[in-house]
Amino acid sequence: MSDKERLVLALAGGVGGAKLANGLAGVLTPEELVIAVNTGDDFEHLGMHISPDLDSVMYRLAGLNDTARGWGVKDESWQFMAALGALGGETWFNLGDRDLATHVERTRRLAAGDALSSVTAALCSALGIAHTVTPMSDEAVRTFVLSGGLRIPFQRYFVEQNCKPVSDGFVFDGSEEAKPAPALATALAAPELAAIVICPSNPFVSIRPILSIPAVSQALARRRVPVVAVSPLIGGAAVKGPAAKMMAEQGLPVSSAGIATAYGDIIDGLVIDSADAGEAATIEAGSVRVLVTETLMQGTEEEERLALSVLEFAAKLRPRGQ
């Protein structure tokens, strides 16, 4: 991708999404990158608006993320949670003392009437992040996991119940009425848009909420630029999170070929790990081009290397049907 004027749109959620978003930010200028983040995971807790995926991306780009846990802020302390537990409060969702400041300030600004995208921009600026990070929408979209006739709010399923219930399907409340956040809508329509990158995130609960917004799915359906996804699986296992479990429960092969099936017609290329090179021919038989490379990201160097590989791959592709 050598054009002087270009824009890359990244769709991200979860820890893997935050890592590749950071890699892209390391090789693209702020003018060349927009990172749109899943907010289906957002919820109200202890009177605060919590945005887990937005925070994961922000903390990674700011160099504040806890690499050992994979979420939250490094060098964290837990005095608030200890005190809350002593009072008999809800402690199933951990909020570190430093992390708590983000939630308090976000909630204050939202209560004052600011849109989530404006609040996110202000938080990013305060953290020294120059690249555009935007929620997928300023309207509330909430993910529920369907299990045995129940609708389980995502964080209850993911954190409190440790992903143990069988997932029969997913519902994204509010998505039909939601509009893309301004930065996402602008990027989708930008004449300089060169590629859309789907980061190695859970396709069901990190990316599908973004795609459930009608204007987003419609834009991708009529896309004029390639869409490249990075598989979140390596050797038939998720690097982190319940993606593999969910795939099996949805009747999909737990493989990168299954990831290609999950995304269907919305992707033109799929980046898979070298451990899964044997799946390339199967995936390409379904008209999806494949790049085989090392996809495990253990630090900034690997994040940026993968980002460059993804961008070079995207530059060789055309949207299907063109």
C-alpha atoms as a PDB file:
ATOM      1  CA  MET A   1       0.000   0.000   0.000  1.00  0.00           C
ATOM      2  CA  SER A   2       2.098   2.834  -1.294  1.00  0.00           C
ATOM      3  CA  ASP A   3      -0.470   5.502  -2.097  1.00  0.00           C
ATOM      4  CA  LYS A   4       0.301   8.794  -0.441  1.00  0.00           C
ATOM      5  CA  GLU A   5      -3.303   9.243   0.640  1.00  0.00           C
ATOM      6  CA  ARG A   6      -4.698   6.119   2.228  1.00  0.00           C
ATOM      7  CA  LEU A   7      -6.824   5.141   5.169  1.00  0.00           C
ATOM      8  CA  VAL A   8      -7.070   1.826   6.947  1.00  0.00           C
ATOM      9  CA  LEU A   9     -10.090   0.963   9.068  1.00  0.00           C
ATOM     10  CA  ALA A  10      -9.507  -1.623  11.788  1.00  0.00           C
ATOM     11  CA  LEU A  11     -12.362  -3.410  13.571  1.00  0.00           C
ATOM     12  CA  ALA A  12     -11.269  -4.624  16.988  1.00  0.00           C
ATOM     13  CA  GLY A  13     -12.355  -6.174  20.243  1.00  0.00           C
ATOM     14  CA  GLY A  14     -10.678  -8.114  23.021  1.00  0.00           C
ATOM     15  CA  VAL A  15      -7.008  -8.626  23.791  1.00  0.00           C
ATOM     16  CA  GLY A  16      -5.993  -9.892  20.331  1.00  0.00           C
ATOM     17  CA  GLY A  17      -7.766  -6.982  18.708  1.00  0.00           C
ATOM     18  CA  ALA A  18      -5.951  -4.522  20.958  1.00  0.00           C
ATOM     19  CA  LYS A  19      -2.581  -6.063  20.083  1.00  0.00           C
ATOM     20  CA  LEU A  20      -3.004  -5.795  16.320  1.00  0.00           C
ATOM     21  CA  ALA A  21      -4.532  -2.329  16.683  1.00  0.00           C
ATOM     22  CA  ASN A  22      -1.339  -1.315  18.459  1.00  0.00           C
ATOM     23  CA  GLY A  23       0.738  -2.871  15.693  1.00  0.00           C
ATOM     24  CA  LEU A  24      -1.193  -0.951  13.057  1.00  0.00           C
ATOM     25  CA  ALA A  25      -0.763   2.252  15.048  1.00  0.00           C
ATOM     26  CA  GLY A  26       2.969   1.585  15.087  1.00  0.00           C
ATOM     27  CA  VAL A  27       3.270   1.427  11.299  1.00  0.00           C
ATOM     28  CA  LEU A  28       0.559   3.874  10.210  1.00  0.00           C
ATOM     29  CA  THR A  29       0.284   7.569  10.970  1.00  0.00           C
ATOM     30  CA  PRO A  30      -2.715   8.978  12.871  1.00  0.00           C
ATOM     31  CA  GLU A  31      -4.070  10.222   9.547  1.00  0.00           C
ATOM     32  CA  GLU A  32      -3.894   6.726   8.072  1.00  0.00           C
ATOM     33  CA  LEU A  33      -5.740   4.694  10.703  1.00  0.00           C
ATOM     34  CA  VAL A  34      -9.148   4.552  12.377  1.00  0.00           C
ATOM     35  CA  ILE A  35      -9.752   1.875  15.016  1.00  0.00           C
ATOM     36  CA  ALA A  36     -13.424   1.069  15.573  1.00  0.00           C
ATOM     37  CA  VAL A  37     -14.019  -0.936  18.736  1.00  0.00           C
ATOM     38  CA  ASN A  38     -16.789  -3.270  19.854  1.00  0.00           C
ATOM     39  CA  THR A  39     -19.049  -1.850  22.573  1.00  0.00           C
ATOM     40  CA  GLY A  40     -21.477  -4.766  22.752  1.00  0.00           C
ATOM     41  CA  ASP A  41     -19.527  -5.759  25.894  1.00  0.00           C
ATOM     42  CA  ASP A  42     -20.316  -2.435  27.591  1.00  0.00           C
ATOM     43  CA  PHE A  43     -22.474  -2.543  30.696  1.00  0.00           C
ATOM     44  CA  GLU A  44     -23.511  -0.569  33.745  1.00  0.00           C
ATOM     45  CA  HIS A  45     -21.853  -1.783  36.938  1.00  0.00           C
ATOM     46  CA  LEU A  46     -21.706  -0.196  40.384  1.00  0.00           C
ATOM     47  CA  GLY A  47     -23.232   2.923  38.877  1.00  0.00           C
ATOM     48  CA  MET A  48     -20.509   3.217  36.243  1.00  0.00           C
ATOM     49  CA  HIS A  49     -20.368   2.776  32.482  1.00  0.00           C
ATOM     50  CA  ILE A  50     -17.773   0.072  31.788  1.00  0.00           C
ATOM     51  CA  SER A  51     -16.323  -0.289  28.263  1.00  0.00           C
ATOM     52  CA  PRO A  52     -13.969  -3.293  28.448  1.00  0.00           C
ATOM     53  CA  ASP A  53     -12.939  -3.478  24.788  1.00  0.00           C
ATOM     54  CA  LEU A  54     -12.429   0.260  24.418  1.00  0.00           C
ATOM     55  CA  ASP A  55     -10.256   0.199  27.529  1.00  0.00           C
ATOM     56  CA  SER A  56      -8.203  -2.755  26.253  1.00  0.00           C
ATOM     57  CA  VAL A  57      -7.416  -0.869  23.054  1.00  0.00           C
ATOM     58  CA  MET A  58      -6.721   2.419  24.818  1.00  0.00           C
ATOM     59  CA  TYR A  59      -4.471   0.884  27.444  1.00  0.00           C
ATOM     60  CA  ARG A  60      -2.484  -1.060  24.828  1.00  0.00           C
ATOM     61  CA  LEU A  61      -1.953   1.990  22.634  1.00  0.00           C
ATOM     62  CA  ALA A  62      -0.941   4.018  25.681  1.00  0.00           C
ATOM     63  CA  GLY A  63       1.460   1.303  26.873  1.00  0.00           C
ATOM     64  CA  LEU A  64      -0.486   0.902  30.120  1.00  0.00           C
ATOM     65  CA  ASN A  65      -1.914  -2.578  29.618  1.00  0.00           C
ATOM     66  CA  ASP A  66      -1.184  -5.485  31.922  1.00  0.00           C
ATOM     67  CA  THR A  67       0.491  -8.045  29.686  1.00  0.00           C
ATOM     68  CA  ALA A  68       0.318 -10.832  32.286  1.00  0.00           C
ATOM     69  CA  ARG A  69      -3.449 -10.688  32.848  1.00  0.00           C
ATOM     70  CA  GLY A  70      -4.227  -9.552  29.332  1.00  0.00           C
ATOM     71  CA  TRP A  71      -6.675  -6.915  30.559  1.00  0.00           C
ATOM     72  CA  GLY A  72      -6.618  -3.848  32.774  1.00  0.00           C
ATOM     73  CA  VAL A  73      -3.727  -1.635  33.803  1.00  0.00           C
ATOM     74  CA  LYS A  74      -0.232  -2.783  34.726  1.00  0.00           C
ATOM     75  CA  ASP A  75       1.100  -2.239  38.266  1.00  0.00           C
ATOM     76  CA  GLU A  76      -2.490  -2.285  39.478  1.00  0.00           C
ATOM     77  CA  SER A  77      -3.681  -2.340  43.086  1.00  0.00           C
ATOM     78  CA  TRP A  78      -6.988  -3.672  44.400  1.00  0.00           C
ATOM     79  CA  GLN A  79      -7.832  -1.720  47.544  1.00  0.00           C
ATOM     80  CA  PHE A  80     -11.213  -0.652  46.204  1.00  0.00           C
ATOM     81  CA  MET A  81     -12.306  -4.220  45.495  1.00  0.00           C
ATOM     82  CA  ALA A  82     -11.103  -5.397  48.914  1.00  0.00           C
ATOM     83  CA  ALA A  83     -13.026  -2.640  50.656  1.00  0.00           C
ATOM     84  CA  LEU A  84     -16.115  -3.288  48.541  1.00  0.00           C
ATOM     85  CA  GLY A  85     -16.026  -6.981  49.366  1.00  0.00           C
ATOM     86  CA  ALA A  86     -15.717  -6.221  53.078  1.00  0.00           C
ATOM     87  CA  LEU A  87     -18.929  -4.215  52.783  1.00  0.00           C
ATOM     88  CA  GLY A  88     -20.737  -7.089  51.066  1.00  0.00           C
ATOM     89  CA  GLY A  89     -20.686  -5.456  47.626  1.00  0.00           C
ATOM     90  CA  GLU A  90     -20.515  -7.166  44.230  1.00  0.00           C
ATOM     91  CA  THR A  91     -16.980  -8.298  43.496  1.00  0.00           C
ATOM     92  CA  TRP A  92     -17.504 -10.679  40.588  1.00  0.00           C
ATOM     93  CA  PHE A  93     -16.174  -8.077  38.118  1.00  0.00           C
ATOM     94  CA  ASN A  94     -12.733  -6.824  39.143  1.00  0.00           C
ATOM     95  CA  LEU A  95     -12.008  -3.115  38.910  1.00  0.00           C
ATOM     96  CA  GLY A  96      -8.474  -2.084  39.761  1.00  0.00           C
ATOM     97  CA  ASP A  97      -7.769   1.173  41.556  1.00  0.00           C
ATOM     98  CA  ARG A  98      -6.054   2.828  38.577  1.00  0.00           C
ATOM     99  CA  ASP A  99      -8.562   1.402  36.100  1.00  0.00           C
ATOM    100  CA  LEU A 100     -11.389   2.768  38.239  1.00  0.00           C
ATOM    101  CA  ALA A 101     -10.441   6.326  37.330  1.00  0.00           C
ATOM    102  CA  THR A 102     -11.236   5.642  33.670  1.00  0.00           C
ATOM    103  CA  HIS A 103     -14.725   4.371  34.492  1.00  0.00           C
ATOM    104  CA  VAL A 104     -15.482   7.235  36.864  1.00  0.00           C
ATOM    105  CA  GLU A 105     -14.417   9.868  34.344  1.00  0.00           C
ATOM    106  CA  ARG A 106     -16.225   8.175  31.452  1.00  0.00           C
ATOM    107  CA  THR A 107     -19.417   7.948  33.500  1.00  0.00           C
ATOM    108  CA  ARG A 108     -19.165  11.582  34.593  1.00  0.00           C
ATOM    109  CA  ARG A 109     -18.785  12.819  31.030  1.00  0.00           C
ATOM    110  CA  LEU A 110     -21.617  10.639  29.731  1.00  0.00           C
ATOM    111  CA  ALA A 111     -23.894  11.907  32.517  1.00  0.00           C
ATOM    112  CA  ALA A 112     -23.017  15.455  31.459  1.00  0.00           C
ATOM    113  CA  GLY A 113     -24.376  14.694  28.000  1.00  0.00           C
ATOM    114  CA  ASP A 114     -21.220  13.886  26.040  1.00  0.00           C
ATOM    115  CA  ALA A 115     -21.411  11.128  23.411  1.00  0.00           C
ATOM    116  CA  LEU A 116     -19.353   7.997  23.986  1.00  0.00           C
ATOM    117  CA  SER A 117     -17.231   8.785  20.925  1.00  0.00           C
ATOM    118  CA  SER A 118     -16.423  12.254  22.300  1.00  0.00           C
ATOM    119  CA  VAL A 119     -15.603  10.816  25.715  1.00  0.00           C
ATOM    120  CA  THR A 120     -13.352   8.197  24.115  1.00  0.00           C
ATOM    121  CA  ALA A 121     -11.517  10.856  22.109  1.00  0.00           C
ATOM    122  CA  ALA A 122     -10.957  12.905  25.274  1.00  0.00           C
ATOM    123  CA  LEU A 123      -9.669   9.893  27.218  1.00  0.00           C
ATOM    124  CA  CYS A 124      -7.329   8.947  24.368  1.00  0.00           C
ATOM    125  CA  SER A 125      -5.987  12.479  24.203  1.00  0.00           C
ATOM    126  CA  ALA A 126      -5.356  12.479  27.951  1.00  0.00           C
ATOM    127  CA  LEU A 127      -3.462   9.182  27.580  1.00  0.00           C
ATOM    128  CA  GLY A 128      -1.310  10.552  24.764  1.00  0.00           C
ATOM    129  CA  ILE A 129      -2.917   8.459  21.999  1.00  0.00           C
ATOM    130  CA  ALA A 130      -2.736  10.279  18.663  1.00  0.00           C
ATOM    131  CA  HIS A 131      -4.589   7.704  16.540  1.00  0.00           C
ATOM    132  CA  THR A 132      -8.369   7.709  16.248  1.00  0.00           C
ATOM    133  CA  VAL A 133     -10.046   5.170  18.522  1.00  0.00           C
ATOM    134  CA  THR A 134     -13.819   5.175  18.302  1.00  0.00           C
ATOM    135  CA  PRO A 135     -16.655   3.098  19.693  1.00  0.00           C
ATOM    136  CA  MET A 136     -18.659   1.332  17.022  1.00  0.00           C
ATOM    137  CA  SER A 137     -21.689   3.453  17.934  1.00  0.00           C
ATOM    138  CA  ASP A 138     -22.789   6.183  20.307  1.00  0.00           C
ATOM    139  CA  GLU A 139     -26.050   4.284  20.827  1.00  0.00           C
ATOM    140  CA  ALA A 140     -26.211   1.374  23.250  1.00  0.00           C
ATOM    141  CA  VAL A 141     -25.830  -2.077  21.690  1.00  0.00           C
ATOM    142  CA  ARG A 142     -25.731  -4.889  24.236  1.00  0.00           C
ATOM    143  CA  THR A 143     -24.608  -8.468  23.623  1.00  0.00           C
ATOM    144  CA  PHE A 144     -26.568 -11.353  25.151  1.00  0.00           C
ATOM    145  CA  VAL A 145     -25.576 -15.004  24.970  1.00  0.00           C
ATOM    146  CA  LEU A 146     -28.480 -17.375  24.366  1.00  0.00           C
ATOM    147  CA  SER A 147     -28.224 -20.565  26.412  1.00  0.00           C
ATOM    148  CA  GLY A 148     -30.934 -23.096  27.181  1.00  0.00           C
ATOM    149  CA  GLY A 149     -33.706 -20.580  26.626  1.00  0.00           C
ATOM    150  CA  LEU A 150     -31.965 -17.900  28.716  1.00  0.00           C
ATOM    151  CA  ARG A 151     -30.575 -14.533  27.616  1.00  0.00           C
ATOM    152  CA  ILE A 152     -27.371 -14.008  29.575  1.00  0.00           C
ATOM    153  CA  PRO A 153     -25.815 -10.524  29.571  1.00  0.00           C
ATOM    154  CA  PHE A 154     -22.366 -10.906  28.080  1.00  0.00           C
ATOM    155  CA  GLN A 155     -20.277  -9.912  31.100  1.00  0.00           C
ATOM    156  CA  ARG A 156     -22.295 -12.209  33.340  1.00  0.00           C
ATOM    157  CA  TYR A 157     -21.591 -15.040  30.879  1.00  0.00           C
ATOM    158  CA  PHE A 158     -17.956 -14.128  30.288  1.00  0.00           C
ATOM    159  CA  VAL A 159     -16.759 -13.138  33.755  1.00  0.00           C
ATOM    160  CA  GLU A 160     -19.229 -14.273  36.400  1.00  0.00           C
ATOM    161  CA  GLN A 161     -20.013 -17.634  34.772  1.00  0.00           C
ATOM    162  CA  ASN A 162     -16.562 -18.050  33.197  1.00  0.00           C
ATOM    163  CA  CYS A 163     -18.062 -18.899  29.768  1.00  0.00           C
ATOM    164  CA  LYS A 164     -19.423 -22.204  31.123  1.00  0.00           C
ATOM    165  CA  PRO A 165     -22.965 -22.073  29.670  1.00  0.00           C
ATOM    166  CA  VAL A 166     -23.387 -23.569  26.197  1.00  0.00           C
ATOM    167  CA  SER A 167     -23.894 -20.788  23.678  1.00  0.00           C
ATOM    168  CA  ASP A 168     -26.904 -21.428  21.433  1.00  0.00           C
ATOM    169  CA  GLY A 169     -26.643 -18.058  19.725  1.00  0.00           C
ATOM    170  CA  PHE A 170     -26.186 -14.348  20.289  1.00  0.00           C
ATOM    171  CA  VAL A 171     -28.439 -11.290  20.388  1.00  0.00           C
ATOM    172  CA  PHE A 172     -27.284  -7.690  20.005  1.00  0.00           C
ATOM    173  CA  ASP A 173     -29.972  -5.559  21.588  1.00  0.00           C
ATOM    174  CA  GLY A 174     -30.280  -2.106  20.061  1.00  0.00           C
ATOM    175  CA  SER A 175     -28.241  -2.868  16.951  1.00  0.00           C
ATOM    176  CA  GLU A 176     -31.089  -2.403  14.489  1.00  0.00           C
ATOM    177  CA  GLU A 177     -31.601   1.182  15.649  1.00  0.00           C
ATOM    178  CA  ALA A 178     -27.926   1.993  16.149  1.00  0.00           C
ATOM    179  CA  LYS A 179     -25.869   4.152  13.813  1.00  0.00           C
ATOM    180  CA  PRO A 180     -22.114   3.971  13.350  1.00  0.00           C
ATOM    181  CA  ALA A 181     -20.178   6.453  15.449  1.00  0.00           C
ATOM    182  CA  PRO A 182     -19.150   9.506  13.389  1.00  0.00           C
ATOM    183  CA  ALA A 183     -15.520   8.446  12.903  1.00  0.00           C
ATOM    184  CA  LEU A 184     -16.562   4.956  11.793  1.00  0.00           C
ATOM    185  CA  ALA A 185     -19.178   6.287   9.380  1.00  0.00           C
ATOM    186  CA  THR A 186     -16.685   8.768   7.932  1.00  0.00           C
ATOM    187  CA  ALA A 187     -14.035   6.074   7.472  1.00  0.00           C
ATOM    188  CA  LEU A 188     -16.430   3.704   5.718  1.00  0.00           C
ATOM    189  CA  ALA A 189     -17.327   6.424   3.211  1.00  0.00           C
ATOM    190  CA  ALA A 190     -13.865   7.976   2.844  1.00  0.00           C
ATOM    191  CA  PRO A 191     -12.553   8.047  -0.754  1.00  0.00           C
ATOM    192  CA  GLU A 192      -9.045   7.358   0.588  1.00  0.00           C
ATOM    193  CA  LEU A 193     -10.130   4.162   2.342  1.00  0.00           C
ATOM    194  CA  ALA A 194      -7.727   1.459   1.153  1.00  0.00           C
ATOM    195  CA  ALA A 195      -8.499  -1.551   3.344  1.00  0.00           C
ATOM    196  CA  ILE A 196     -10.591  -2.831   6.226  1.00  0.00           C
ATOM    197  CA  VAL A 197      -8.760  -5.046   8.707  1.00  0.00           C
ATOM    198  CA  ILE A 198     -10.652  -7.305  11.087  1.00  0.00           C
ATOM    199  CA  CYS A 199      -8.301  -7.887  13.991  1.00  0.00           C
ATOM    200  CA  PRO A 200      -7.831 -11.348  15.572  1.00  0.00           C
ATOM    201  CA  SER A 201     -10.912 -10.979  17.729  1.00  0.00           C
ATOM    202  CA  ASN A 202     -13.746 -13.342  18.578  1.00  0.00           C
ATOM    203  CA  PRO A 203     -15.951 -13.281  15.459  1.00  0.00           C
ATOM    204  CA  PHE A 204     -19.157 -13.877  17.436  1.00  0.00           C
ATOM    205  CA  VAL A 205     -18.966 -11.442  20.356  1.00  0.00           C
ATOM    206  CA  SER A 206     -16.224  -8.975  19.380  1.00  0.00           C
ATOM    207  CA  ILE A 207     -16.787  -8.433  15.649  1.00  0.00           C
ATOM    208  CA  ARG A 208     -20.370  -9.483  14.974  1.00  0.00           C
ATOM    209  CA  PRO A 209     -21.748  -6.736  17.262  1.00  0.00           C
ATOM    210  CA  ILE A 210     -20.031  -4.179  15.015  1.00  0.00           C
ATOM    211  CA  LEU A 211     -21.372  -5.875  11.894  1.00  0.00           C
ATOM    212  CA  SER A 212     -24.871  -6.033  13.411  1.00  0.00           C
ATOM    213  CA  ILE A 213     -25.232  -2.281  12.898  1.00  0.00           C
ATOM    214  CA  PRO A 214     -27.157  -2.067   9.593  1.00  0.00           C
ATOM    215  CA  ALA A 215     -25.137   0.775   8.098  1.00  0.00           C
ATOM    216  CA  VAL A 216     -21.897  -1.096   8.793  1.00  0.00           C
ATOM    217  CA  SER A 217     -23.037  -4.391   7.289  1.00  0.00           C
ATOM    218  CA  GLN A 218     -24.451  -2.546   4.271  1.00  0.00           C
ATOM    219  CA  ALA A 219     -21.179  -0.687   3.741  1.00  0.00           C
ATOM    220  CA  LEU A 220     -19.217  -3.921   3.829  1.00  0.00           C
ATOM    221  CA  ALA A 221     -21.649  -5.614   1.460  1.00  0.00           C
ATOM    222  CA  ARG A 222     -21.040  -2.921  -1.175  1.00  0.00           C
ATOM    223  CA  ARG A 223     -17.368  -2.440  -0.329  1.00  0.00           C
ATOM    224  CA  ARG A 224     -14.913  -1.220  -2.927  1.00  0.00           C
ATOM    225  CA  VAL A 225     -11.847  -2.086  -0.817  1.00  0.00           C
ATOM    226  CA  PRO A 226     -10.618  -5.470   0.433  1.00  0.00           C
ATOM    227  CA  VAL A 227     -11.589  -6.768   3.855  1.00  0.00           C
ATOM    228  CA  VAL A 228      -8.879  -8.866   5.510  1.00  0.00           C
ATOM    229  CA  ALA A 229      -9.440 -10.782   8.743  1.00  0.00           C
ATOM    230  CA  VAL A 230      -6.792 -12.254  11.003  1.00  0.00           C
ATOM    231  CA  SER A 231      -7.724 -15.593  12.522  1.00  0.00           C
ATOM    232  CA  PRO A 232      -7.814 -15.595  16.344  1.00  0.00           C
ATOM    233  CA  LEU A 233      -7.004 -19.330  16.336  1.00  0.00           C
ATOM    234  CA  ILE A 234      -3.597 -20.994  16.246  1.00  0.00           C
ATOM    235  CA  GLY A 235      -3.435 -24.747  15.887  1.00  0.00           C
ATOM    236  CA  GLY A 236      -7.155 -25.128  16.465  1.00  0.00           C
ATOM    237  CA  ALA A 237      -7.148 -23.225  19.763  1.00  0.00           C
ATOM    238  CA  ALA A 238      -7.931 -19.656  20.719  1.00  0.00           C
ATOM    239  CA  VAL A 239      -4.972 -17.646  21.934  1.00  0.00           C
ATOM    240  CA  LYS A 240      -7.286 -16.185  24.577  1.00  0.00           C
ATOM    241  CA  GLY A 241     -11.016 -16.276  25.263  1.00  0.00           C
ATOM    242  CA  PRO A 242     -13.944 -18.528  24.331  1.00  0.00           C
ATOM    243  CA  ALA A 243     -13.815 -18.330  20.520  1.00  0.00           C
ATOM    244  CA  ALA A 244     -12.969 -22.016  20.052  1.00  0.00           C
ATOM    245  CA  LYS A 245     -15.673 -23.127  22.507  1.00  0.00           C
ATOM    246  CA  MET A 246     -18.251 -20.938  20.790  1.00  0.00           C
ATOM    247  CA  MET A 247     -17.297 -22.230  17.351  1.00  0.00           C
ATOM    248  CA  ALA A 248     -17.826 -25.832  18.434  1.00  0.00           C
ATOM    249  CA  GLU A 249     -21.177 -24.914  19.990  1.00  0.00           C
ATOM    250  CA  GLN A 250     -22.236 -23.171  16.773  1.00  0.00           C
ATOM    251  CA  GLY A 251     -21.422 -26.307  14.776  1.00  0.00           C
ATOM    252  CA  LEU A 252     -18.358 -24.852  13.068  1.00  0.00           C
ATOM    253  CA  PRO A 253     -14.987 -26.545  12.681  1.00  0.00           C
ATOM    254  CA  VAL A 254     -12.635 -25.256  15.368  1.00  0.00           C
ATOM    255  CA  SER A 255     -10.084 -24.099  12.839  1.00  0.00           C
ATOM    256  CA  SER A 256      -9.120 -21.136  10.727  1.00  0.00           C
ATOM    257  CA  ALA A 257     -11.293 -22.665   7.999  1.00  0.00           C
ATOM    258  CA  GLY A 258     -14.142 -22.378  10.483  1.00  0.00           C
ATOM    259  CA  ILE A 259     -13.256 -18.712  11.022  1.00  0.00           C
ATOM    260  CA  ALA A 260     -13.540 -18.164   7.258  1.00  0.00           C
ATOM    261  CA  THR A 261     -16.972 -19.802   7.327  1.00  0.00           C
ATOM    262  CA  ALA A 262     -18.038 -17.648  10.282  1.00  0.00           C
ATOM    263  CA  TYR A 263     -17.191 -14.472   8.362  1.00  0.00           C
ATOM    264  CA  GLY A 264     -18.618 -15.679   5.054  1.00  0.00           C
ATOM    265  CA  ASP A 265     -18.855 -13.198   2.216  1.00  0.00           C
ATOM    266  CA  ILE A 266     -17.699 -10.185   4.197  1.00  0.00           C
ATOM    267  CA  ILE A 267     -13.993 -11.075   3.938  1.00  0.00           C
ATOM    268  CA  ASP A 268     -11.745 -11.246   0.897  1.00  0.00           C
ATOM    269  CA  GLY A 269      -8.644 -12.488   2.677  1.00  0.00           C
ATOM    270  CA  LEU A 270      -7.765 -14.379   5.841  1.00  0.00           C
ATOM    271  CA  VAL A 271      -4.426 -14.338   7.634  1.00  0.00           C
ATOM    272  CA  ILE A 272      -3.673 -17.623   9.379  1.00  0.00           C
ATOM    273  CA  ASP A 273      -0.796 -18.869  11.485  1.00  0.00           C
ATOM    274  CA  SER A 274       1.933 -21.098  10.078  1.00  0.00           C
ATOM    275  CA  ALA A 275       0.684 -23.868  12.349  1.00  0.00           C
ATOM    276  CA  ASP A 276      -2.503 -23.927  10.253  1.00  0.00           C
ATOM    277  CA  ALA A 277      -0.854 -23.799   6.828  1.00  0.00           C
ATOM    278  CA  GLY A 278      -2.524 -27.074   5.891  1.00  0.00           C
ATOM    279  CA  GLU A 279      -5.905 -25.327   5.916  1.00  0.00           C
ATOM    280  CA  ALA A 280      -4.978 -22.757   3.270  1.00  0.00           C
ATOM    281  CA  ALA A 281      -6.189 -24.773   0.271  1.00  0.00           C
ATOM    282  CA  THR A 282      -9.549 -25.499   1.905  1.00  0.00           C
ATOM    283  CA  ILE A 283     -10.070 -21.832   2.712  1.00  0.00           C
ATOM    284  CA  GLU A 284      -9.045 -20.649  -0.753  1.00  0.00           C
ATOM    285  CA  ALA A 285     -11.457 -23.144  -2.309  1.00  0.00           C
ATOM    286  CA  GLY A 286     -14.147 -20.927  -0.806  1.00  0.00           C
ATOM    287  CA  SER A 287     -12.831 -17.883  -2.729  1.00  0.00           C
ATOM    288  CA  VAL A 288     -11.045 -16.374   0.264  1.00  0.00           C
ATOM    289  CA  ARG A 289      -7.367 -15.619  -0.310  1.00  0.00           C
ATOM    290  CA  VAL A 290      -4.993 -16.759   2.431  1.00  0.00           C
ATOM    291  CA  LEU A 291      -1.774 -15.413   3.883  1.00  0.00           C
ATOM    292  CA  VAL A 292       0.198 -17.849   6.043  1.00  0.00           C
ATOM    293  CA  THR A 293       2.514 -16.194   8.559  1.00  0.00           C
ATOM    294  CA  GLU A 294       3.322 -16.042  12.253  1.00  0.00           C
ATOM    295  CA  THR A 295       0.323 -14.519  14.031  1.00  0.00           C
ATOM    296  CA  LEU A 296       1.238 -14.893  17.715  1.00  0.00           C
ATOM    297  CA  MET A 297       1.942 -11.438  19.132  1.00  0.00           C
ATOM    298  CA  GLN A 298       4.006 -11.364  22.319  1.00  0.00           C
ATOM    299  CA  GLY A 299       5.182  -7.768  22.115  1.00  0.00           C
ATOM    300  CA  THR A 300       5.368  -4.619  20.028  1.00  0.00           C
ATOM    301  CA  GLU A 301       7.822  -6.066  17.527  1.00  0.00           C
ATOM    302  CA  GLU A 302       5.521  -8.980  16.682  1.00  0.00           C
ATOM    303  CA  GLU A 303       2.477  -6.698  16.613  1.00  0.00           C
ATOM    304  CA  GLU A 304       4.077  -4.361  14.078  1.00  0.00           C
ATOM    305  CA  ARG A 305       5.486  -7.210  11.997  1.00  0.00           C
ATOM    306  CA  LEU A 306       2.048  -8.788  11.705  1.00  0.00           C
ATOM    307  CA  ALA A 307       0.493  -5.399  10.934  1.00  0.00           C
ATOM    308  CA  LEU A 308       2.902  -4.871   8.030  1.00  0.00           C
ATOM    309  CA  SER A 309       2.211  -8.365   6.703  1.00  0.00           C
ATOM    310  CA  VAL A 310      -1.544  -7.767   6.851  1.00  0.00           C
ATOM    311  CA  LEU A 311      -1.257  -4.429   5.049  1.00  0.00           C
ATOM    312  CA  GLU A 312       0.978  -5.865   2.320  1.00  0.00           C
ATOM    313  CA  PHE A 313      -1.468  -8.739   1.862  1.00  0.00           C
ATOM    314  CA  ALA A 314      -4.442  -6.367   1.660  1.00  0.00           C
ATOM    315  CA  ALA A 315      -2.695  -4.311  -1.024  1.00  0.00           C
ATOM    316  CA  LYS A 316      -2.708  -7.357  -3.306  1.00  0.00           C
ATOM    317  CA  LEU A 317      -6.417  -8.080  -2.950  1.00  0.00           C
ATOM    318  CA  ARG A 318      -9.595  -6.914  -4.587  1.00  0.00           C
ATOM    319  CA  PRO A 319     -13.056  -7.242  -3.099  1.00  0.00           C
ATOM    320  CA  ARG A 320     -14.784 -10.393  -4.273  1.00  0.00           C
ATOM    321  CA  GLY A 321     -16.842  -9.811  -7.394  1.00  0.00           C
ATOM    322  CA  GLN A 322     -14.536  -7.115  -8.766  1.00  0.00           C
END
